[in-house]
Structure formats: structure tokens, C-alpha cells
């Protein structure tokens, strides 16, 4: 049995015990392969975990996919989809039969939400994953790595989402009320996912209007009629593509550009996201994180989840090396 707990040292493995120096989550790793083994469901599953605006980039590379992101409070993580089945990986060489979107992410998420909402399964608005903010949505970002015909790619997306849809767990667009109805999970497509299909509200491929698209953040305009909350949830861009390289940190002129982009996204009711921020040196990385947070960025792409959850970036900026890895 593998449990996640708390320790004063760095994360380590001792007899299959994962020790994490941040707010703890009690969960058995076997849930990934066997949901029935996750019994009884712990009452303190996410107790003490505070949501932070981070996106668990390349989540499937982590020691505990999905759960590492939940443990530090990230409210978004990515699944890269490749091929005629929704497998998880950057290219065909790393794909295996058990690394599917359903097995690694959707089934565990549905099980968690089922347990959280078991006391009142019929309530109009199901509770979310994080105990500290039950209204927070968890974004599932589907990053498609190859192009497929409309009928192929959307059948592969729609089928595994149906059980979540039936339980009212998915954020959707209500065309009658002309508003987005938030739910515990929000599905967003990006990469090679066809923009014209995922944003076409009349398309039979997106008839439930619960799959949203990721717009280009650097191309948004305040008066845009193409990018609206009816078909979009977030807007993303590489930091370098948005404002140029920031190898010595974000300059004042770059910060003005970032503020403008974030404000434009906010005015359109979209969540802003920057990816490919500098991972090294640590003091530069942490300074960029701080600048983005102070600019009220919606989501930051992160590979170093535990460093982000430490929340002592000002100290890191001054000392830098080694203390915030």
C-alpha cells in the first residue's frame, strides 16, 4: 500500500511511502490501476491543500501522474493525445496500451468526484476536488499532437467524457442563458485540435458544448467576436513568443505587454496562461513566476510543482541556488 504523507525533508520514497513536505493528501497509488482498491475513501483527501494558479505541464512524466498536481493545489494539468486512440505521450514511441486518457485521468477523476459528492449525489452543483475551495474547477487540457478527421478525433474525445457528462461534472456553455456554467472539471483542447470544430457551437461533434478551446493569448483583441466564452476557456502563449526572451528576468517593457495581454483575456472572460517560462537559473525562474502572479495571470505552466507550492519565491529571488528547486 502506497500512501502520501508529510515530512520535513525533501520528497522521498521509503518502503513505497511517498513523503511530501507540503499539505498532505492521503491516497493510495493503486487507484490509477484499480479504483476499487481505493477504499475506504479518506475524508481528508485534499485537506490543507490550497489552490494555486498552476498547470502541471507534461503531467504524465511525473512519479504520480494527476495526484502530484492535486497534492500541490494545481488546478490544471495536461494530457497529450496522439493517434487513433487517446493515448498519453509526446510521440508514438512512448505510447503503451495502459496509458490512455480514460485510464490515467478521467476514470480516477470521476471516482474522486463520486466519493466527494456521495453524501448528496443529486445536488444541482457538484463539489470540486479541493476541500479548501469546493467551487474551483480542475482544467483538463487536451494537447493534440497530430491531426485527424473531424469524425475520428471528436469520437475519441466524446466517448470517454460521457460518464462525466451524465453526472454533471463538466463545465458547459448554456446557450439559453448565454453563459458558461462552471462545474468541477473543465475540458479544453489545444495543439492540433481543430479550432473550427471545437469552437463551432452548431457542430454535431460538440453538440453538448462542453469542450472548449485554447486561444492564442498574444492575438486577442478586446473587441474580438471570434474568441468568446461560448467556445473558449483560456488563452495561452509561449512567454518568449509573447514578449521576447526573458533570460535575465522580465523587463519593465515586457511586463507592460504581459499586463495588457492578461487584461485583454480577463475582459473577454478568458483565463490567461503562459508556457515555456525560464526553468533556470532558479532565481530568474522564481522572479518570473512572481511577476506573472503579481500581474494576476490565470495559469502558469509548471514542471517544478513542489517548488511552486513552497511559496517563498522572494527568498528564492535573493538566494536563488538550490533552495527552491
Foldseek 3Di string as FASTA:
>chain_A
DEFEEEDCDPWDADPNYTYHPAQTATFDLCCLVPVVVGPPPDPVRQPRAAADQAEAELQVPDPRRPVLCSNLRHQEYEFEAEDLARAGDQDPVPTDPQRHCLRRPVVSLVSQQCNQCVVPQPDPAGFANHPVGRQRAREYEYAYNDDDDLVRPLVNVPVSCVVVVVSVQFWFQDPVVRGIDGHRYAAEYEHNDDPVQQQDCPHPSCVRRRYAYEAALQPFDLPDPSDAPSHHAAYEDELCVQQHDQPPAQDPVSLVSLLVSCVSCVSRNHAYEYEPHDPDQQLRSLRNVVSCVVSVHNYYYDNQSSLVSVPPNVVCNVVGPDPRD
